[in-house]
Amino acid sequence: MTPPTAAAHPADTAPVAPVAVTARCAGCGACLLTCPVHAIRPLGGALLVRAELCTGCLECVEVCPVDAIEETVGTAGAAPPGAPDEAGAPDEDGPPAGPLETPEETP
């Protein structure tokens, strides 16, 4: 009997979106309204580009008023800058608080 081979971890084969929203994002939402395939969505106060939907048309790059969306270069499985981790929390270099976040009330 042949021993089973190690299966690739899903993160090792996850697609990388052709674009990524960087920490310069002001949260204006222009890219959300422009994306023809609705590949950009808010998540935890940041914007996430869904690699499985993004076609790489770069319309979001052209419409961003603060040049916060960049073409990605890297290997499969690499997270784009500011992308949330598996638990949904933005990484340490994630986008700053902006209009997409709901301010918490302080007593």
Foldseek 3Di string as FASTA:
>chain_A
DDDDDDDDDCLQAAAEAQKDFFQQDQPPCQLCVFDPQNQWDDFQQAIDGNRVRHPNPCRSCVRRPRSRMDGDDDHRNDYDHQAADPVRHTPPRHHDHHPSDDDDDDD
